[in-house]
Amino acid sequence: MQDLVTELRADSTDFARLRQRHHVQTQPVITETSRRPGVGSIAVDCDTLLLPDHDRP
C-alpha cells in the first residue's frame, strides 16, 4: 500500500496535497450498490479494518 501511495504522490500534485491534509473519515461498514444490465442490483458490504500500530486515529 505504501508503494501505491508513494507512486500516486509522485504522479499527482492534487493527490499529494490532499494526502498531506489527511482529511480521512472512516466508516466501519458501508454498502455499495451497483445496477448491472442483465443482472440487476448487486450489493456489496465493505468493512473498514484499522491497524492500530499503523493507522492514524
N, C-alpha and C. Protein backbone atom coordinates (compact mmCIF):
# COMPACT_ATOMS: atom_id res chain seq x y z
N MET A 1 0.83 -1.18 0.00
CA MET A 1 0.00 0.00 0.00
C MET A 1 0.88 1.25 0.00
N GLN A 2 1.95 1.21 0.77
CA GLN A 2 2.84 2.37 0.83
C GLN A 2 3.45 2.67 -0.54
N ASP A 3 3.79 1.64 -1.30
CA ASP A 3 4.33 1.85 -2.65
C ASP A 3 3.31 2.54 -3.54
N LEU A 4 2.04 2.14 -3.42
CA LEU A 4 0.98 2.76 -4.21
C LEU A 4 0.83 4.24 -3.85
N VAL A 5 0.80 4.55 -2.55
CA VAL A 5 0.68 5.94 -2.10
C VAL A 5 1.88 6.76 -2.59
N THR A 6 3.06 6.20 -2.51
CA THR A 6 4.27 6.90 -2.98
C THR A 6 4.16 7.20 -4.47
N GLU A 7 3.70 6.23 -5.24
CA GLU A 7 3.55 6.43 -6.69
C GLU A 7 2.49 7.48 -7.00
N LEU A 8 1.36 7.42 -6.31
CA LEU A 8 0.30 8.41 -6.53
C LEU A 8 0.76 9.82 -6.16
N ARG A 9 1.50 9.94 -5.07
CA ARG A 9 2.01 11.26 -4.66
C ARG A 9 2.97 11.82 -5.71
N ALA A 10 3.80 10.95 -6.29
CA ALA A 10 4.77 11.39 -7.28
C ALA A 10 4.09 11.80 -8.59
N ASP A 11 2.99 11.12 -8.93
CA ASP A 11 2.31 11.37 -10.21
C ASP A 11 1.24 12.46 -10.16
N SER A 12 0.80 12.84 -8.96
CA SER A 12 -0.31 13.77 -8.86
C SER A 12 -0.10 14.78 -7.74
N THR A 13 0.06 16.03 -8.12
CA THR A 13 0.20 17.08 -7.10
C THR A 13 -1.09 17.23 -6.29
N ASP A 14 -2.24 17.00 -6.93
CA ASP A 14 -3.51 17.05 -6.20
C ASP A 14 -3.56 15.96 -5.14
N PHE A 15 -3.19 14.74 -5.51
CA PHE A 15 -3.19 13.65 -4.55
C PHE A 15 -2.23 13.95 -3.41
N ALA A 16 -1.03 14.43 -3.73
CA ALA A 16 -0.04 14.73 -2.70
C ALA A 16 -0.56 15.79 -1.74
N ARG A 17 -1.21 16.81 -2.27
CA ARG A 17 -1.76 17.88 -1.42
C ARG A 17 -2.86 17.35 -0.51
N LEU A 18 -3.77 16.57 -1.07
CA LEU A 18 -4.86 16.01 -0.27
C LEU A 18 -4.35 14.99 0.74
N ARG A 19 -3.37 14.21 0.37
CA ARG A 19 -2.79 13.22 1.29
C ARG A 19 -2.11 13.92 2.46
N GLN A 20 -1.47 15.03 2.18
CA GLN A 20 -0.79 15.79 3.23
C GLN A 20 -1.80 16.30 4.26
N ARG A 21 -2.97 16.71 3.80
CA ARG A 21 -4.02 17.19 4.71
C ARG A 21 -4.55 16.07 5.59
N HIS A 22 -4.60 14.88 5.05
CA HIS A 22 -5.07 13.67 5.72
C HIS A 22 -6.45 13.84 6.34
N HIS A 23 -7.36 14.46 5.56
CA HIS A 23 -8.75 14.59 5.99
C HIS A 23 -9.48 13.31 5.59
N VAL A 24 -9.30 12.29 6.40
CA VAL A 24 -9.87 10.99 6.10
C VAL A 24 -10.86 10.63 7.20
N GLN A 25 -12.03 10.22 6.77
CA GLN A 25 -13.03 9.75 7.71
C GLN A 25 -13.40 8.34 7.33
N THR A 26 -13.36 7.47 8.30
CA THR A 26 -13.71 6.09 8.02
C THR A 26 -15.10 5.77 8.54
N GLN A 27 -15.73 4.87 7.88
CA GLN A 27 -17.00 4.33 8.33
C GLN A 27 -16.75 2.84 8.55
N PRO A 28 -17.19 2.31 9.69
CA PRO A 28 -16.89 0.90 9.96
C PRO A 28 -17.46 -0.06 8.91
N VAL A 29 -18.68 0.20 8.43
CA VAL A 29 -19.29 -0.66 7.41
C VAL A 29 -20.09 0.22 6.46
N ILE A 30 -19.89 0.01 5.19
CA ILE A 30 -20.71 0.69 4.18
C ILE A 30 -21.20 -0.36 3.19
N THR A 31 -22.26 -0.06 2.50
CA THR A 31 -22.77 -0.95 1.46
C THR A 31 -22.75 -0.20 0.14
N GLU A 32 -22.09 -0.78 -0.83
CA GLU A 32 -22.04 -0.23 -2.19
C GLU A 32 -23.03 -1.02 -3.03
N THR A 33 -23.89 -0.31 -3.75
CA THR A 33 -24.88 -0.97 -4.59
C THR A 33 -24.68 -0.53 -6.03
N SER A 34 -24.69 -1.49 -6.93
CA SER A 34 -24.49 -1.22 -8.35
C SER A 34 -25.57 -1.95 -9.14
N ARG A 35 -26.04 -1.33 -10.22
CA ARG A 35 -27.02 -1.99 -11.10
C ARG A 35 -26.30 -2.40 -12.38
N ARG A 36 -26.48 -3.64 -12.76
CA ARG A 36 -25.84 -4.18 -13.96
C ARG A 36 -26.89 -4.71 -14.92
N PRO A 37 -26.80 -4.34 -16.21
CA PRO A 37 -27.74 -4.85 -17.20
C PRO A 37 -27.73 -6.38 -17.23
N GLY A 38 -28.89 -6.97 -17.24
CA GLY A 38 -28.99 -8.42 -17.31
C GLY A 38 -28.79 -9.12 -15.98
N VAL A 39 -28.35 -8.37 -14.96
CA VAL A 39 -28.09 -8.98 -13.65
C VAL A 39 -28.98 -8.34 -12.59
N GLY A 40 -29.11 -7.04 -12.65
CA GLY A 40 -29.89 -6.31 -11.65
C GLY A 40 -28.98 -5.67 -10.61
N SER A 41 -29.53 -5.48 -9.42
CA SER A 41 -28.78 -4.84 -8.34
C SER A 41 -27.81 -5.82 -7.69
N ILE A 42 -26.61 -5.32 -7.44
CA ILE A 42 -25.61 -6.08 -6.71
C ILE A 42 -25.19 -5.21 -5.53
N ALA A 43 -25.33 -5.74 -4.32
CA ALA A 43 -24.94 -5.02 -3.11
C ALA A 43 -23.74 -5.71 -2.49
N VAL A 44 -22.72 -4.91 -2.17
CA VAL A 44 -21.51 -5.43 -1.58
C VAL A 44 -21.27 -4.69 -0.27
N ASP A 45 -21.13 -5.44 0.83
CA ASP A 45 -20.80 -4.84 2.12
C ASP A 45 -19.29 -4.69 2.22
N CYS A 46 -18.85 -3.50 2.60
CA CYS A 46 -17.42 -3.21 2.73
C CYS A 46 -17.12 -2.91 4.19
N ASP A 47 -16.18 -3.61 4.76
CA ASP A 47 -15.76 -3.38 6.14
C ASP A 47 -14.45 -2.61 6.15
N THR A 48 -14.30 -1.72 7.13
CA THR A 48 -13.06 -0.98 7.32
C THR A 48 -12.26 -1.65 8.42
N LEU A 49 -11.06 -2.06 8.10
CA LEU A 49 -10.19 -2.67 9.09
C LEU A 49 -9.07 -1.71 9.43
N LEU A 50 -8.92 -1.39 10.70
CA LEU A 50 -7.88 -0.48 11.14
C LEU A 50 -6.75 -1.26 11.78
N LEU A 51 -5.54 -0.85 11.49
CA LEU A 51 -4.36 -1.43 12.11
C LEU A 51 -3.86 -0.44 13.15
N PRO A 52 -4.09 -0.69 14.43
CA PRO A 52 -3.77 0.29 15.47
C PRO A 52 -2.32 0.78 15.44
N ASP A 53 -1.38 -0.07 15.07
CA ASP A 53 0.03 0.33 15.04
C ASP A 53 0.39 1.16 13.81
N HIS A 54 -0.52 1.22 12.81
CA HIS A 54 -0.19 1.91 11.56
C HIS A 54 -1.18 3.01 11.17
N ASP A 55 -2.43 2.89 11.59
CA ASP A 55 -3.44 3.86 11.18
C ASP A 55 -3.53 4.99 12.16
N ARG A 56 -3.75 6.19 11.61
CA ARG A 56 -3.97 7.36 12.45
C ARG A 56 -5.38 7.31 13.02
N PRO A 57 -5.57 7.86 14.21
CA PRO A 57 -6.93 7.87 14.78
C PRO A 57 -7.87 8.75 13.99
